[in-house]
PDB file of N, CA and C in Angstrom:
ATOM      1  N   MET A   1      11.364 -29.502 -24.644  1.00  0.00           N
ATOM      2  CA  MET A   1      11.708 -28.100 -24.696  1.00  0.00           C
ATOM      3  C   MET A   1      13.004 -27.926 -25.475  1.00  0.00           C
ATOM      4  N   THR A   2      13.054 -26.892 -26.237  1.00  0.00           N
ATOM      5  CA  THR A   2      14.271 -26.608 -26.985  1.00  0.00           C
ATOM      6  C   THR A   2      15.237 -25.812 -26.119  1.00  0.00           C
ATOM      7  N   ALA A   3      16.466 -25.747 -26.568  1.00  0.00           N
ATOM      8  CA  ALA A   3      17.489 -25.017 -25.823  1.00  0.00           C
ATOM      9  C   ALA A   3      17.131 -23.537 -25.713  1.00  0.00           C
ATOM     10  N   THR A   4      16.559 -22.995 -26.769  1.00  0.00           N
ATOM     11  CA  THR A   4      16.188 -21.578 -26.758  1.00  0.00           C
ATOM     12  C   THR A   4      15.109 -21.301 -25.716  1.00  0.00           C
ATOM     13  N   SER A   5      14.131 -22.170 -25.647  1.00  0.00           N
ATOM     14  CA  SER A   5      13.053 -21.952 -24.673  1.00  0.00           C
ATOM     15  C   SER A   5      13.563 -22.140 -23.245  1.00  0.00           C
ATOM     16  N   LEU A   6      14.515 -23.041 -23.052  1.00  0.00           N
ATOM     17  CA  LEU A   6      15.095 -23.196 -21.714  1.00  0.00           C
ATOM     18  C   LEU A   6      15.903 -21.968 -21.310  1.00  0.00           C
ATOM     19  N   ILE A   7      16.649 -21.409 -22.259  1.00  0.00           N
ATOM     20  CA  ILE A   7      17.413 -20.197 -21.964  1.00  0.00           C
ATOM     21  C   ILE A   7      16.471 -19.040 -21.642  1.00  0.00           C
ATOM     22  N   ILE A   8      15.399 -18.927 -22.392  1.00  0.00           N
ATOM     23  CA  ILE A   8      14.404 -17.877 -22.119  1.00  0.00           C
ATOM     24  C   ILE A   8      13.767 -18.088 -20.759  1.00  0.00           C
ATOM     25  N   ALA A   9      13.472 -19.336 -20.391  1.00  0.00           N
ATOM     26  CA  ALA A   9      12.888 -19.624 -19.082  1.00  0.00           C
ATOM     27  C   ALA A   9      13.863 -19.262 -17.962  1.00  0.00           C
ATOM     28  N   ILE A  10      15.138 -19.552 -18.147  1.00  0.00           N
ATOM     29  CA  ILE A  10      16.154 -19.198 -17.148  1.00  0.00           C
ATOM     30  C   ILE A  10      16.249 -17.684 -17.015  1.00  0.00           C
ATOM     31  N   MET A  11      16.233 -16.988 -18.143  1.00  0.00           N
ATOM     32  CA  MET A  11      16.298 -15.526 -18.103  1.00  0.00           C
ATOM     33  C   MET A  11      15.061 -14.941 -17.430  1.00  0.00           C
ATOM     34  N   ALA A  12      13.899 -15.494 -17.711  1.00  0.00           N
ATOM     35  CA  ALA A  12      12.661 -15.004 -17.093  1.00  0.00           C
ATOM     36  C   ALA A  12      12.682 -15.233 -15.583  1.00  0.00           C
ATOM     37  N   CYS A  13      13.142 -16.403 -15.167  1.00  0.00           N
ATOM     38  CA  CYS A  13      13.226 -16.696 -13.733  1.00  0.00           C
ATOM     39  C   CYS A  13      14.243 -15.783 -13.044  1.00  0.00           C
ATOM     40  N   THR A  14      15.350 -15.511 -13.714  1.00  0.00           N
ATOM     41  CA  THR A  14      16.353 -14.614 -13.147  1.00  0.00           C
ATOM     42  C   THR A  14      15.798 -13.202 -13.016  1.00  0.00           C
ATOM     43  N   PHE A  15      15.097 -12.735 -14.031  1.00  0.00           N
ATOM     44  CA  PHE A  15      14.466 -11.413 -13.966  1.00  0.00           C
ATOM     45  C   PHE A  15      13.433 -11.371 -12.851  1.00  0.00           C
ATOM     46  N   ALA A  16      12.633 -12.431 -12.732  1.00  0.00           N
ATOM     47  CA  ALA A  16      11.634 -12.503 -11.659  1.00  0.00           C
ATOM     48  C   ALA A  16      12.309 -12.485 -10.295  1.00  0.00           C
ATOM     49  N   LEU A  17      13.450 -13.122 -10.177  1.00  0.00           N
ATOM     50  CA  LEU A  17      14.194 -13.139  -8.920  1.00  0.00           C
ATOM     51  C   LEU A  17      14.683 -11.737  -8.560  1.00  0.00           C
ATOM     52  N   VAL A  18      15.141 -10.995  -9.546  1.00  0.00           N
ATOM     53  CA  VAL A  18      15.583  -9.620  -9.295  1.00  0.00           C
ATOM     54  C   VAL A  18      14.404  -8.741  -8.881  1.00  0.00           C
ATOM     55  N   VAL A  19      13.288  -8.851  -9.588  1.00  0.00           N
ATOM     56  CA  VAL A  19      12.100  -8.064  -9.246  1.00  0.00           C
ATOM     57  C   VAL A  19      11.600  -8.442  -7.851  1.00  0.00           C
ATOM     58  N   LEU A  20      11.567  -9.723  -7.561  1.00  0.00           N
ATOM     59  CA  LEU A  20      11.157 -10.187  -6.235  1.00  0.00           C
ATOM     60  C   LEU A  20      12.059  -9.608  -5.157  1.00  0.00           C
ATOM     61  N   ASN A  21      13.352  -9.592  -5.403  1.00  0.00           N
ATOM     62  CA  ASN A  21      14.309  -9.049  -4.453  1.00  0.00           C
ATOM     63  C   ASN A  21      14.025  -7.577  -4.184  1.00  0.00           C
ATOM     64  N   VAL A  22      13.805  -6.811  -5.227  1.00  0.00           N
ATOM     65  CA  VAL A  22      13.564  -5.373  -5.059  1.00  0.00           C
ATOM     66  C   VAL A  22      12.259  -5.119  -4.302  1.00  0.00           C
ATOM     67  N   VAL A  23      11.192  -5.797  -4.714  1.00  0.00           N
ATOM     68  CA  VAL A  23       9.886  -5.576  -4.090  1.00  0.00           C
ATOM     69  C   VAL A  23       9.904  -5.967  -2.626  1.00  0.00           C
ATOM     70  N   PHE A  24      10.387  -7.154  -2.322  1.00  0.00           N
ATOM     71  CA  PHE A  24      10.347  -7.601  -0.934  1.00  0.00           C
ATOM     72  C   PHE A  24      11.400  -6.906  -0.082  1.00  0.00           C
ATOM     73  N   ARG A  25      12.509  -6.488  -0.674  1.00  0.00           N
ATOM     74  CA  ARG A  25      13.483  -5.720   0.087  1.00  0.00           C
ATOM     75  C   ARG A  25      12.839  -4.415   0.556  1.00  0.00           C
ATOM     76  N   TYR A  26      12.077  -3.773  -0.330  1.00  0.00           N
ATOM     77  CA  TYR A  26      11.371  -2.546   0.031  1.00  0.00           C
ATOM     78  C   TYR A  26      10.370  -2.811   1.155  1.00  0.00           C
ATOM     79  N   ARG A  27       9.565  -3.855   1.001  1.00  0.00           N
ATOM     80  CA  ARG A  27       8.547  -4.166   2.013  1.00  0.00           C
ATOM     81  C   ARG A  27       9.169  -4.530   3.360  1.00  0.00           C
ATOM     82  N   VAL A  28      10.181  -5.389   3.328  1.00  0.00           N
ATOM     83  CA  VAL A  28      10.804  -5.845   4.565  1.00  0.00           C
ATOM     84  C   VAL A  28      11.531  -4.694   5.257  1.00  0.00           C
ATOM     85  N   LEU A  29      12.253  -3.893   4.506  1.00  0.00           N
ATOM     86  CA  LEU A  29      12.970  -2.778   5.118  1.00  0.00           C
ATOM     87  C   LEU A  29      12.025  -1.717   5.661  1.00  0.00           C
ATOM     88  N   ARG A  30      10.903  -1.499   4.990  1.00  0.00           N
ATOM     89  CA  ARG A  30       9.906  -0.553   5.494  1.00  0.00           C
ATOM     90  C   ARG A  30       9.333  -1.037   6.826  1.00  0.00           C
ATOM     91  N   ALA A  31       8.983  -2.318   6.887  1.00  0.00           N
ATOM     92  CA  ALA A  31       8.449  -2.878   8.139  1.00  0.00           C
ATOM     93  C   ALA A  31       9.527  -2.891   9.220  1.00  0.00           C
ATOM     94  N   TYR A  32      10.759  -3.209   8.845  1.00  0.00           N
ATOM     95  CA  TYR A  32      11.861  -3.230   9.810  1.00  0.00           C
ATOM     96  C   TYR A  32      12.102  -1.830  10.383  1.00  0.00           C
ATOM     97  N   ARG A  33      12.045  -0.832   9.526  1.00  0.00           N
ATOM     98  CA  ARG A  33      12.239   0.544   9.974  1.00  0.00           C
ATOM     99  C   ARG A  33      11.168   0.949  10.990  1.00  0.00           C
ATOM    100  N   LYS A  34       9.920   0.544  10.738  1.00  0.00           N
ATOM    101  CA  LYS A  34       8.832   0.845  11.684  1.00  0.00           C
ATOM    102  C   LYS A  34       9.108   0.190  13.038  1.00  0.00           C
ATOM    103  N   LEU A  35       9.555  -1.062  12.999  1.00  0.00           N
ATOM    104  CA  LEU A  35       9.827  -1.775  14.247  1.00  0.00           C
ATOM    105  C   LEU A  35      11.018  -1.167  14.982  1.00  0.00           C
ATOM    106  N   MET A  36      12.027  -0.751  14.269  1.00  0.00           N
ATOM    107  CA  MET A  36      13.195  -0.143  14.914  1.00  0.00           C
ATOM    108  C   MET A  36      12.860   1.241  15.481  1.00  0.00           C
ATOM    109  N   ASP A  37      11.956   1.974  14.835  1.00  0.00           N
ATOM    110  CA  ASP A  37      11.521   3.262  15.367  1.00  0.00           C
ATOM    111  C   ASP A  37      10.813   3.096  16.704  1.00  0.00           C
ATOM    112  N   GLU A  38      10.164   1.958  16.888  1.00  0.00           N
ATOM    113  CA  GLU A  38       9.454   1.661  18.134  1.00  0.00           C
ATOM    114  C   GLU A  38      10.332   0.875  19.113  1.00  0.00           C
ATOM    115  N   HIS A  39      11.586   0.642  18.752  1.00  0.00           N
ATOM    116  CA  HIS A  39      12.559  -0.076  19.589  1.00  0.00           C
ATOM    117  C   HIS A  39      12.123  -1.500  19.911  1.00  0.00           C
ATOM    118  N   VAL A  40      11.558  -2.169  18.911  1.00  0.00           N
ATOM    119  CA  VAL A  40      11.170  -3.570  19.061  1.00  0.00           C
ATOM    120  C   VAL A  40      12.424  -4.419  18.874  1.00  0.00           C
ATOM    121  N   THR A  41      12.688  -5.301  19.821  1.00  0.00           N
ATOM    122  CA  THR A  41      13.847  -6.186  19.727  1.00  0.00           C
ATOM    123  C   THR A  41      13.408  -7.639  19.853  1.00  0.00           C
ATOM    124  N   PHE A  42      14.036  -8.484  19.058  1.00  0.00           N
ATOM    125  CA  PHE A  42      13.821  -9.927  19.156  1.00  0.00           C
ATOM    126  C   PHE A  42      14.980 -10.620  18.472  1.00  0.00           C
ATOM    127  N   GLU A  43      15.154 -11.882  18.798  1.00  0.00           N
ATOM    128  CA  GLU A  43      16.271 -12.654  18.261  1.00  0.00           C
ATOM    129  C   GLU A  43      15.995 -13.069  16.819  1.00  0.00           C
ATOM    130  N   GLY A  44      17.057 -13.199  16.051  1.00  0.00           N
ATOM    131  CA  GLY A  44      16.933 -13.578  14.655  1.00  0.00           C
ATOM    132  C   GLY A  44      16.316 -14.951  14.453  1.00  0.00           C
ATOM    133  N   ARG A  45      16.512 -15.854  15.401  1.00  0.00           N
ATOM    134  CA  ARG A  45      15.971 -17.207  15.248  1.00  0.00           C
ATOM    135  C   ARG A  45      14.449 -17.234  15.310  1.00  0.00           C
ATOM    136  N   LEU A  46      13.838 -16.155  15.789  1.00  0.00           N
ATOM    137  CA  LEU A  46      12.377 -16.091  15.889  1.00  0.00           C
ATOM    138  C   LEU A  46      11.721 -15.615  14.599  1.00  0.00           C
ATOM    139  N   LEU A  47      12.501 -15.088  13.675  1.00  0.00           N
ATOM    140  CA  LEU A  47      11.938 -14.439  12.497  1.00  0.00           C
ATOM    141  C   LEU A  47      11.066 -15.350  11.644  1.00  0.00           C
ATOM    142  N   LEU A  48      11.466 -16.571  11.439  1.00  0.00           N
ATOM    143  CA  LEU A  48      10.710 -17.454  10.557  1.00  0.00           C
ATOM    144  C   LEU A  48       9.801 -18.429  11.305  1.00  0.00           C
ATOM    145  N   ASN A  49       9.711 -18.292  12.617  1.00  0.00           N
ATOM    146  CA  ASN A  49       8.862 -19.161  13.413  1.00  0.00           C
ATOM    147  C   ASN A  49       7.694 -18.342  13.959  1.00  0.00           C
ATOM    148  N   GLN A  50       6.555 -18.431  13.287  1.00  0.00           N
ATOM    149  CA  GLN A  50       5.401 -17.600  13.635  1.00  0.00           C
ATOM    150  C   GLN A  50       4.881 -17.889  15.043  1.00  0.00           C
ATOM    151  N   ARG A  51       4.821 -19.140  15.414  1.00  0.00           N
ATOM    152  CA  ARG A  51       4.284 -19.498  16.729  1.00  0.00           C
ATOM    153  C   ARG A  51       5.113 -18.883  17.848  1.00  0.00           C
ATOM    154  N   ARG A  52       6.422 -19.044  17.761  1.00  0.00           N
ATOM    155  CA  ARG A  52       7.298 -18.492  18.806  1.00  0.00           C
ATOM    156  C   ARG A  52       7.314 -16.971  18.778  1.00  0.00           C
ATOM    157  N   LEU A  53       7.197 -16.395  17.605  1.00  0.00           N
ATOM    158  CA  LEU A  53       7.132 -14.942  17.481  1.00  0.00           C
ATOM    159  C   LEU A  53       5.885 -14.414  18.180  1.00  0.00           C
ATOM    160  N   GLU A  54       4.758 -15.099  17.978  1.00  0.00           N
ATOM    161  CA  GLU A  54       3.514 -14.684  18.638  1.00  0.00           C
ATOM    162  C   GLU A  54       3.560 -14.922  20.145  1.00  0.00           C
ATOM    163  N   GLU A  55       4.272 -15.960  20.565  1.00  0.00           N
ATOM    164  CA  GLU A  55       4.339 -16.263  21.998  1.00  0.00           C
ATOM    165  C   GLU A  55       5.329 -15.390  22.754  1.00  0.00           C
ATOM    166  N   GLU A  56       6.441 -15.035  22.124  1.00  0.00           N
ATOM    167  CA  GLU A  56       7.515 -14.356  22.841  1.00  0.00           C
ATOM    168  C   GLU A  56       7.611 -12.855  22.558  1.00  0.00           C
ATOM    169  N   VAL A  57       7.309 -12.427  21.343  1.00  0.00           N
ATOM    170  CA  VAL A  57       7.521 -11.030  20.989  1.00  0.00           C
ATOM    171  C   VAL A  57       6.230 -10.221  21.050  1.00  0.00           C
ATOM    172  N   VAL A  58       5.162 -10.742  20.489  1.00  0.00           N
ATOM    173  CA  VAL A  58       3.907  -9.991  20.434  1.00  0.00           C
ATOM    174  C   VAL A  58       3.387  -9.628  21.825  1.00  0.00           C
ATOM    175  N   PRO A  59       3.485 -10.486  22.847  1.00  0.00           N
ATOM    176  CA  PRO A  59       3.024 -10.062  24.172  1.00  0.00           C
ATOM    177  C   PRO A  59       3.790  -8.856  24.742  1.00  0.00           C
ATOM    178  N   ARG A  60       5.051  -8.685  24.343  1.00  0.00           N
ATOM    179  CA  ARG A  60       5.819  -7.528  24.814  1.00  0.00           C
ATOM    180  C   ARG A  60       5.419  -6.249  24.082  1.00  0.00           C
ATOM    181  N   TYR A  61       4.930  -6.395  22.849  1.00  0.00           N
ATOM    182  CA  TYR A  61       4.553  -5.243  22.027  1.00  0.00           C
ATOM    183  C   TYR A  61       3.170  -5.484  21.408  1.00  0.00           C
ATOM    184  N   PRO A  62       2.116  -5.583  22.198  1.00  0.00           N
ATOM    185  CA  PRO A  62       0.803  -5.916  21.637  1.00  0.00           C
ATOM    186  C   PRO A  62       0.261  -4.846  20.687  1.00  0.00           C
ATOM    187  N   HIS A  63       0.648  -3.612  20.881  1.00  0.00           N
ATOM    188  CA  HIS A  63       0.170  -2.545  20.007  1.00  0.00           C
ATOM    189  C   HIS A  63       0.831  -2.575  18.618  1.00  0.00           C
ATOM    190  N   LEU A  64       1.884  -3.365  18.462  1.00  0.00           N
ATOM    191  CA  LEU A  64       2.587  -3.487  17.182  1.00  0.00           C
ATOM    192  C   LEU A  64       2.421  -4.870  16.556  1.00  0.00           C
ATOM    193  N   ARG A  65       1.396  -5.586  16.961  1.00  0.00           N
ATOM    194  CA  ARG A  65       1.191  -6.947  16.477  1.00  0.00           C
ATOM    195  C   ARG A  65       1.129  -6.989  14.946  1.00  0.00           C
ATOM    196  N   ARG A  66       0.363  -6.089  14.364  1.00  0.00           N
ATOM    197  CA  ARG A  66       0.195  -6.088  12.910  1.00  0.00           C
ATOM    198  C   ARG A  66       1.542  -5.855  12.204  1.00  0.00           C
ATOM    199  N   GLU A  67       2.329  -4.910  12.681  1.00  0.00           N
ATOM    200  CA  GLU A  67       3.611  -4.612  12.060  1.00  0.00           C
ATOM    201  C   GLU A  67       4.584  -5.784  12.192  1.00  0.00           C
ATOM    202  N   ILE A  68       4.589  -6.422  13.358  1.00  0.00           N
ATOM    203  CA  ILE A  68       5.468  -7.573  13.571  1.00  0.00           C
ATOM    204  C   ILE A  68       5.084  -8.715  12.639  1.00  0.00           C
ATOM    205  N   MET A  69       3.787  -8.976  12.522  1.00  0.00           N
ATOM    206  CA  MET A  69       3.342 -10.081  11.683  1.00  0.00           C
ATOM    207  C   MET A  69       3.525  -9.758  10.195  1.00  0.00           C
ATOM    208  N   ASP A  70       3.376  -8.491   9.806  1.00  0.00           N
ATOM    209  CA  ASP A  70       3.658  -8.102   8.418  1.00  0.00           C
ATOM    210  C   ASP A  70       5.130  -8.330   8.088  1.00  0.00           C
ATOM    211  N   PHE A  71       5.999  -7.947   9.008  1.00  0.00           N
ATOM    212  CA  PHE A  71       7.432  -8.152   8.819  1.00  0.00           C
ATOM    213  C   PHE A  71       7.729  -9.642   8.647  1.00  0.00           C
ATOM    214  N   HIS A  72       7.168 -10.451   9.520  1.00  0.00           N
ATOM    215  CA  HIS A  72       7.358 -11.905   9.460  1.00  0.00           C
ATOM    216  C   HIS A  72       6.836 -12.473   8.138  1.00  0.00           C
ATOM    217  N   ARG A  73       5.640 -12.088   7.745  1.00  0.00           N
ATOM    218  CA  ARG A  73       5.023 -12.624   6.530  1.00  0.00           C
ATOM    219  C   ARG A  73       5.825 -12.219   5.285  1.00  0.00           C
ATOM    220  N   ASN A  74       6.224 -10.953   5.210  1.00  0.00           N
ATOM    221  CA  ASN A  74       6.992 -10.501   4.048  1.00  0.00           C
ATOM    222  C   ASN A  74       8.352 -11.188   3.969  1.00  0.00           C
ATOM    223  N   LEU A  75       9.009 -11.351   5.092  1.00  0.00           N
ATOM    224  CA  LEU A  75      10.306 -12.017   5.108  1.00  0.00           C
ATOM    225  C   LEU A  75      10.173 -13.483   4.706  1.00  0.00           C
ATOM    226  N   ARG A  76       9.183 -14.145   5.249  1.00  0.00           N
ATOM    227  CA  ARG A  76       8.978 -15.560   4.935  1.00  0.00           C
ATOM    228  C   ARG A  76       8.602 -15.760   3.462  1.00  0.00           C
ATOM    229  N   THR A  77       7.717 -14.922   2.953  1.00  0.00           N
ATOM    230  CA  THR A  77       7.312 -15.017   1.553  1.00  0.00           C
ATOM    231  C   THR A  77       8.502 -14.772   0.636  1.00  0.00           C
ATOM    232  N   SER A  78       9.324 -13.807   0.979  1.00  0.00           N
ATOM    233  CA  SER A  78      10.513 -13.506   0.189  1.00  0.00           C
ATOM    234  C   SER A  78      11.444 -14.710   0.129  1.00  0.00           C
ATOM    235  N   VAL A  79      11.677 -15.334   1.254  1.00  0.00           N
ATOM    236  CA  VAL A  79      12.572 -16.491   1.306  1.00  0.00           C
ATOM    237  C   VAL A  79      11.992 -17.662   0.507  1.00  0.00           C
ATOM    238  N   LEU A  80      10.701 -17.923   0.668  1.00  0.00           N
ATOM    239  CA  LEU A  80      10.086 -19.053  -0.027  1.00  0.00           C
ATOM    240  C   LEU A  80      10.060 -18.851  -1.539  1.00  0.00           C
ATOM    241  N   LEU A  81       9.634 -17.671  -1.989  1.00  0.00           N
ATOM    242  CA  LEU A  81       9.576 -17.419  -3.425  1.00  0.00           C
ATOM    243  C   LEU A  81      10.971 -17.369  -4.031  1.00  0.00           C
ATOM    244  N   GLY A  82      11.915 -16.775  -3.335  1.00  0.00           N
ATOM    245  CA  GLY A  82      13.296 -16.738  -3.819  1.00  0.00           C
ATOM    246  C   GLY A  82      13.872 -18.132  -3.953  1.00  0.00           C
ATOM    247  N   SER A  83      13.618 -18.971  -2.960  1.00  0.00           N
ATOM    248  CA  SER A  83      14.108 -20.352  -3.018  1.00  0.00           C
ATOM    249  C   SER A  83      13.486 -21.119  -4.174  1.00  0.00           C
ATOM    250  N   ALA A  84      12.193 -20.911  -4.389  1.00  0.00           N
ATOM    251  CA  ALA A  84      11.516 -21.591  -5.496  1.00  0.00           C
ATOM    252  C   ALA A  84      12.076 -21.148  -6.840  1.00  0.00           C
ATOM    253  N   LEU A  85      12.329 -19.860  -6.997  1.00  0.00           N
ATOM    254  CA  LEU A  85      12.882 -19.374  -8.258  1.00  0.00           C
ATOM    255  C   LEU A  85      14.300 -19.880  -8.484  1.00  0.00           C
ATOM    256  N   VAL A  86      15.114 -19.918  -7.452  1.00  0.00           N
ATOM    257  CA  VAL A  86      16.467 -20.446  -7.594  1.00  0.00           C
ATOM    258  C   VAL A  86      16.410 -21.929  -7.958  1.00  0.00           C
ATOM    259  N   LEU A  87      15.508 -22.660  -7.344  1.00  0.00           N
ATOM    260  CA  LEU A  87      15.340 -24.079  -7.677  1.00  0.00           C
ATOM    261  C   LEU A  87      14.928 -24.253  -9.136  1.00  0.00           C
ATOM    262  N   LEU A  88      14.000 -23.430  -9.614  1.00  0.00           N
ATOM    263  CA  LEU A  88      13.600 -23.499 -11.021  1.00  0.00           C
ATOM    264  C   LEU A  88      14.770 -23.196 -11.955  1.00  0.00           C
ATOM    265  N   ILE A  89      15.546 -22.184 -11.619  1.00  0.00           N
ATOM    266  CA  ILE A  89      16.722 -21.849 -12.435  1.00  0.00           C
ATOM    267  C   ILE A  89      17.685 -23.026 -12.482  1.00  0.00           C
ATOM    268  N   LEU A  90      17.910 -23.659 -11.339  1.00  0.00           N
ATOM    269  CA  LEU A  90      18.805 -24.819 -11.304  1.00  0.00           C
ATOM    270  C   LEU A  90      18.266 -25.992 -12.120  1.00  0.00           C
ATOM    271  N   ILE A  91      16.975 -26.233 -12.026  1.00  0.00           N
ATOM    272  CA  ILE A  91      16.378 -27.335 -12.792  1.00  0.00           C
ATOM    273  C   ILE A  91      16.472 -27.058 -14.287  1.00  0.00           C
ATOM    274  N   PHE A  92      16.096 -25.842 -14.703  1.00  0.00           N
ATOM    275  CA  PHE A  92      16.192 -25.500 -16.123  1.00  0.00           C
ATOM    276  C   PHE A  92      17.638 -25.567 -16.600  1.00  0.00           C
ATOM    277  N   GLY A  93      18.562 -25.110 -15.785  1.00  0.00           N
ATOM    278  CA  GLY A  93      19.982 -25.174 -16.152  1.00  0.00           C
ATOM    279  C   GLY A  93      20.464 -26.602 -16.291  1.00  0.00           C
ATOM    280  N   TYR A  94      20.041 -27.467 -15.374  1.00  0.00           N
ATOM    281  CA  TYR A  94      20.423 -28.880 -15.449  1.00  0.00           C
ATOM    282  C   TYR A  94      19.882 -29.520 -16.720  1.00  0.00           C
ATOM    283  N   VAL A  95      18.606 -29.266 -17.002  1.00  0.00           N
ATOM    284  CA  VAL A  95      17.996 -29.835 -18.214  1.00  0.00           C
ATOM    285  C   VAL A  95      18.710 -29.308 -19.449  1.00  0.00           C
ATOM    286  N   LEU A  96      19.040 -28.026 -19.447  1.00  0.00           N
ATOM    287  CA  LEU A  96      19.728 -27.442 -20.596  1.00  0.00           C
ATOM    288  C   LEU A  96      21.109 -28.074 -20.796  1.00  0.00           C
ATOM    289  N   LEU A  97      21.838 -28.262 -19.721  1.00  0.00           N
ATOM    290  CA  LEU A  97      23.172 -28.864 -19.837  1.00  0.00           C
ATOM    291  C   LEU A  97      23.115 -30.349 -20.170  1.00  0.00           C
ATOM    292  N   ARG A  98      22.123 -31.023 -19.650  1.00  0.00           N
ATOM    293  CA  ARG A  98      22.031 -32.473 -19.829  1.00  0.00           C
ATOM    294  C   ARG A  98      21.489 -32.847 -21.215  1.00  0.00           C
ATOM    295  N   TRP A  99      20.384 -32.202 -21.626  1.00  0.00           N
ATOM    296  CA  TRP A  99      19.721 -32.611 -22.860  1.00  0.00           C
ATOM    297  C   TRP A  99      19.643 -31.502 -23.914  1.00  0.00           C
ATOM    298  N   GLY A 100      20.153 -30.322 -23.604  1.00  0.00           N
ATOM    299  CA  GLY A 100      20.033 -29.196 -24.541  1.00  0.00           C
ATOM    300  C   GLY A 100      21.064 -29.274 -25.574  1.00  0.00           C
TER     301      GLY A 100
END
């Protein structure tokens, strides 16, 4: 890869990271707002653990199961995709600095 293509790849990943942030921020905040309107409470440590979320939170709010799981899925997807994009940016940056 040439230096120009690596810079373009870094810029594309950065743009994708910004778009991902905006899209998932909207989705997560919308789901969070629904849960707060219904006064759903749970600890932050349960957010990324689906099994414990289903065992501890969903039984207290069975009528909001779909909203709780949507919130969990959107938050988890956001974290995973964001981490992957940051990792790609770091790898491309390393390659650019090392061999570019």
